[in-house]
Amino acid sequence: MLSVHLHQVHFFSHHGMYAEEKILGNEFIIDLIVKYNPKTIPVQSIHETINYVALYALVQKRMDQPTPLLETAATEIAAQILNEFALAEEVSISIKKLNPPIENIQGSVGISFELKRKK
């Protein structure tokens, strides 16, 4: 299997359950892995792979839509990738919120989700 990755991609979005998160926004980091079986080896054309620019555009568009739960954003992104990229077999996504609204926290919070195409 071949994997296409987006690593440590930064977004500023307004996801969150609390009013101040919806107003002030927050910084998020996404890691995304999309796996597929190439039809030919070696892969020599962009039409034989999953374009990471198109993946980034899809993620960026979704991150621009405020959502109370990161779980919602992650599951929707994964499902949309499988829907829009016929080659995609598996999607793994992690979303990290860098400044969670938790008093005295030193660190971040996040979620991860994996989705496989049903055969």
C-alpha atoms as a PDB file:
ATOM      1  CA  MET A   1       0.000   0.000   0.000  1.00  0.00           C
ATOM      2  CA  LEU A   2       1.138   3.536  -0.720  1.00  0.00           C
ATOM      3  CA  SER A   3       0.379   6.428   1.656  1.00  0.00           C
ATOM      4  CA  VAL A   4      -0.080  10.131   1.012  1.00  0.00           C
ATOM      5  CA  HIS A   5       0.516  12.320   4.074  1.00  0.00           C
ATOM      6  CA  LEU A   6      -0.206  15.794   5.352  1.00  0.00           C
ATOM      7  CA  HIS A   7       2.016  16.392   8.393  1.00  0.00           C
ATOM      8  CA  GLN A   8       1.592  19.030  11.076  1.00  0.00           C
ATOM      9  CA  VAL A   9      -0.714  21.192   8.945  1.00  0.00           C
ATOM     10  CA  HIS A  10      -1.744  24.309  10.906  1.00  0.00           C
ATOM     11  CA  PHE A  11      -5.190  25.895  10.824  1.00  0.00           C
ATOM     12  CA  PHE A  12      -6.859  28.682  12.753  1.00  0.00           C
ATOM     13  CA  SER A  13     -10.522  27.769  13.234  1.00  0.00           C
ATOM     14  CA  HIS A  14     -13.487  28.396  15.490  1.00  0.00           C
ATOM     15  CA  HIS A  15     -14.273  24.825  16.575  1.00  0.00           C
ATOM     16  CA  GLY A  16     -15.413  24.258  20.132  1.00  0.00           C
ATOM     17  CA  MET A  17     -18.343  23.904  22.480  1.00  0.00           C
ATOM     18  CA  TYR A  18     -17.785  27.073  24.486  1.00  0.00           C
ATOM     19  CA  ALA A  19     -18.870  30.564  23.440  1.00  0.00           C
ATOM     20  CA  GLU A  20     -15.357  32.005  23.771  1.00  0.00           C
ATOM     21  CA  GLU A  21     -13.959  29.331  21.412  1.00  0.00           C
ATOM     22  CA  LYS A  22     -16.563  30.227  18.807  1.00  0.00           C
ATOM     23  CA  ILE A  23     -15.613  33.907  19.080  1.00  0.00           C
ATOM     24  CA  LEU A  24     -11.842  33.814  19.663  1.00  0.00           C
ATOM     25  CA  GLY A  25     -10.971  30.684  17.681  1.00  0.00           C
ATOM     26  CA  ASN A  26      -8.024  28.403  18.282  1.00  0.00           C
ATOM     27  CA  GLU A  27      -4.997  26.890  16.612  1.00  0.00           C
ATOM     28  CA  PHE A  28      -5.235  23.321  15.328  1.00  0.00           C
ATOM     29  CA  ILE A  29      -2.730  20.883  13.852  1.00  0.00           C
ATOM     30  CA  ILE A  30      -3.833  18.079  11.556  1.00  0.00           C
ATOM     31  CA  ASP A  31      -2.001  14.930  10.572  1.00  0.00           C
ATOM     32  CA  LEU A  32      -3.605  12.987   7.737  1.00  0.00           C
ATOM     33  CA  ILE A  33      -2.661   9.687   6.085  1.00  0.00           C
ATOM     34  CA  VAL A  34      -4.533   8.325   3.072  1.00  0.00           C
ATOM     35  CA  LYS A  35      -3.610   4.810   1.930  1.00  0.00           C
ATOM     36  CA  TYR A  36      -4.251   3.212  -1.443  1.00  0.00           C
ATOM     37  CA  ASN A  37      -3.054   0.420  -3.714  1.00  0.00           C
ATOM     38  CA  PRO A  38      -1.431   1.858  -6.846  1.00  0.00           C
ATOM     39  CA  LYS A  39      -2.794   0.403 -10.068  1.00  0.00           C
ATOM     40  CA  THR A  40       0.679   0.537 -11.632  1.00  0.00           C
ATOM     41  CA  ILE A  41       4.155   0.551 -10.166  1.00  0.00           C
ATOM     42  CA  PRO A  42       6.058   2.756 -10.422  1.00  0.00           C
ATOM     43  CA  VAL A  43       3.528   5.564 -10.075  1.00  0.00           C
ATOM     44  CA  GLN A  44       4.530   8.077 -12.740  1.00  0.00           C
ATOM     45  CA  SER A  45       1.557  10.413 -13.106  1.00  0.00           C
ATOM     46  CA  ILE A  46      -0.483  12.589 -10.782  1.00  0.00           C
ATOM     47  CA  HIS A  47      -3.533  10.807 -12.219  1.00  0.00           C
ATOM     48  CA  GLU A  48      -2.281   7.512 -10.726  1.00  0.00           C
ATOM     49  CA  THR A  49      -2.092   8.834  -7.177  1.00  0.00           C
ATOM     50  CA  ILE A  50      -4.006  10.919  -4.643  1.00  0.00           C
ATOM     51  CA  ASN A  51      -3.062  14.561  -4.988  1.00  0.00           C
ATOM     52  CA  TYR A  52      -2.005  15.999  -1.631  1.00  0.00           C
ATOM     53  CA  VAL A  53      -2.914  19.512  -2.828  1.00  0.00           C
ATOM     54  CA  ALA A  54      -6.510  18.346  -3.334  1.00  0.00           C
ATOM     55  CA  LEU A  55      -6.465  16.679   0.102  1.00  0.00           C
ATOM     56  CA  TYR A  56      -5.264  19.904   1.695  1.00  0.00           C
ATOM     57  CA  ALA A  57      -8.012  21.901  -0.039  1.00  0.00           C
ATOM     58  CA  LEU A  58     -10.664  19.476   1.226  1.00  0.00           C
ATOM     59  CA  VAL A  59      -9.358  19.649   4.805  1.00  0.00           C
ATOM     60  CA  GLN A  60      -9.011  23.434   4.684  1.00  0.00           C
ATOM     61  CA  LYS A  61     -12.588  23.866   3.471  1.00  0.00           C
ATOM     62  CA  ARG A  62     -13.922  21.675   6.304  1.00  0.00           C
ATOM     63  CA  MET A  63     -11.781  23.360   8.959  1.00  0.00           C
ATOM     64  CA  ASP A  64     -13.296  26.703   7.906  1.00  0.00           C
ATOM     65  CA  GLN A  65     -16.727  25.430   9.055  1.00  0.00           C
ATOM     66  CA  PRO A  66     -17.078  25.867  12.840  1.00  0.00           C
ATOM     67  CA  THR A  67     -18.127  22.684  14.636  1.00  0.00           C
ATOM     68  CA  PRO A  68     -18.645  22.058  18.363  1.00  0.00           C
ATOM     69  CA  LEU A  69     -16.780  18.703  18.316  1.00  0.00           C
ATOM     70  CA  LEU A  70     -13.476  17.803  16.686  1.00  0.00           C
ATOM     71  CA  GLU A  71     -14.857  14.289  16.359  1.00  0.00           C
ATOM     72  CA  THR A  72     -17.464  15.620  13.928  1.00  0.00           C
ATOM     73  CA  ALA A  73     -14.881  17.372  11.774  1.00  0.00           C
ATOM     74  CA  ALA A  74     -12.543  14.343  11.701  1.00  0.00           C
ATOM     75  CA  THR A  75     -15.216  11.795  10.839  1.00  0.00           C
ATOM     76  CA  GLU A  76     -16.661  14.026   8.120  1.00  0.00           C
ATOM     77  CA  ILE A  77     -13.237  14.667   6.588  1.00  0.00           C
ATOM     78  CA  ALA A  78     -12.428  10.943   6.510  1.00  0.00           C
ATOM     79  CA  ALA A  79     -15.782  10.037   4.954  1.00  0.00           C
ATOM     80  CA  GLN A  80     -15.493  12.802   2.371  1.00  0.00           C
ATOM     81  CA  ILE A  81     -12.016  11.624   1.332  1.00  0.00           C
ATOM     82  CA  LEU A  82     -13.287   8.082   0.745  1.00  0.00           C
ATOM     83  CA  ASN A  83     -16.233   9.525  -1.169  1.00  0.00           C
ATOM     84  CA  GLU A  84     -14.217  11.887  -3.388  1.00  0.00           C
ATOM     85  CA  PHE A  85     -11.049   9.854  -4.005  1.00  0.00           C
ATOM     86  CA  ALA A  86     -11.865   6.508  -5.623  1.00  0.00           C
ATOM     87  CA  LEU A  87      -8.325   5.207  -5.042  1.00  0.00           C
ATOM     88  CA  ALA A  88      -8.437   5.853  -1.278  1.00  0.00           C
ATOM     89  CA  GLU A  89      -8.755   2.687   0.827  1.00  0.00           C
ATOM     90  CA  GLU A  90      -7.961   3.937   4.336  1.00  0.00           C
ATOM     91  CA  VAL A  91      -7.914   7.328   6.039  1.00  0.00           C
ATOM     92  CA  SER A  92      -6.278   8.170   9.345  1.00  0.00           C
ATOM     93  CA  ILE A  93      -6.692  11.676  10.763  1.00  0.00           C
ATOM     94  CA  SER A  94      -5.607  13.367  13.974  1.00  0.00           C
ATOM     95  CA  ILE A  95      -6.689  16.841  15.034  1.00  0.00           C
ATOM     96  CA  LYS A  96      -4.895  18.596  17.873  1.00  0.00           C
ATOM     97  CA  LYS A  97      -6.237  21.734  19.616  1.00  0.00           C
ATOM     98  CA  LEU A  98      -3.204  23.703  20.751  1.00  0.00           C
ATOM     99  CA  ASN A  99      -4.859  25.993  23.308  1.00  0.00           C
ATOM    100  CA  PRO A 100      -7.715  24.077  24.927  1.00  0.00           C
ATOM    101  CA  PRO A 101      -9.993  25.979  27.307  1.00  0.00           C
ATOM    102  CA  ILE A 102      -8.802  24.067  30.362  1.00  0.00           C
ATOM    103  CA  GLU A 103      -7.501  26.095  33.271  1.00  0.00           C
ATOM    104  CA  ASN A 104      -3.761  25.665  33.968  1.00  0.00           C
ATOM    105  CA  ILE A 105      -3.232  23.089  31.202  1.00  0.00           C
ATOM    106  CA  GLN A 106       0.228  22.926  29.732  1.00  0.00           C
ATOM    107  CA  GLY A 107      -0.179  20.974  26.523  1.00  0.00           C
ATOM    108  CA  SER A 108      -2.789  20.245  23.936  1.00  0.00           C
ATOM    109  CA  VAL A 109      -5.781  17.978  23.417  1.00  0.00           C
ATOM    110  CA  GLY A 110      -6.900  16.095  20.369  1.00  0.00           C
ATOM    111  CA  ILE A 111      -8.643  13.214  18.691  1.00  0.00           C
ATOM    112  CA  SER A 112      -7.769  10.561  16.117  1.00  0.00           C
ATOM    113  CA  PHE A 113      -9.976   8.613  13.737  1.00  0.00           C
ATOM    114  CA  GLU A 114      -9.422   5.844  11.200  1.00  0.00           C
ATOM    115  CA  LEU A 115     -11.848   4.801   8.466  1.00  0.00           C
ATOM    116  CA  LYS A 116     -11.526   2.011   5.902  1.00  0.00           C
ATOM    117  CA  ARG A 117     -13.471   1.668   2.685  1.00  0.00           C
ATOM    118  CA  LYS A 118     -16.112  -1.037   2.926  1.00  0.00           C
ATOM    119  CA  LYS A 119     -15.611  -3.762   0.369  1.00  0.00           C
END
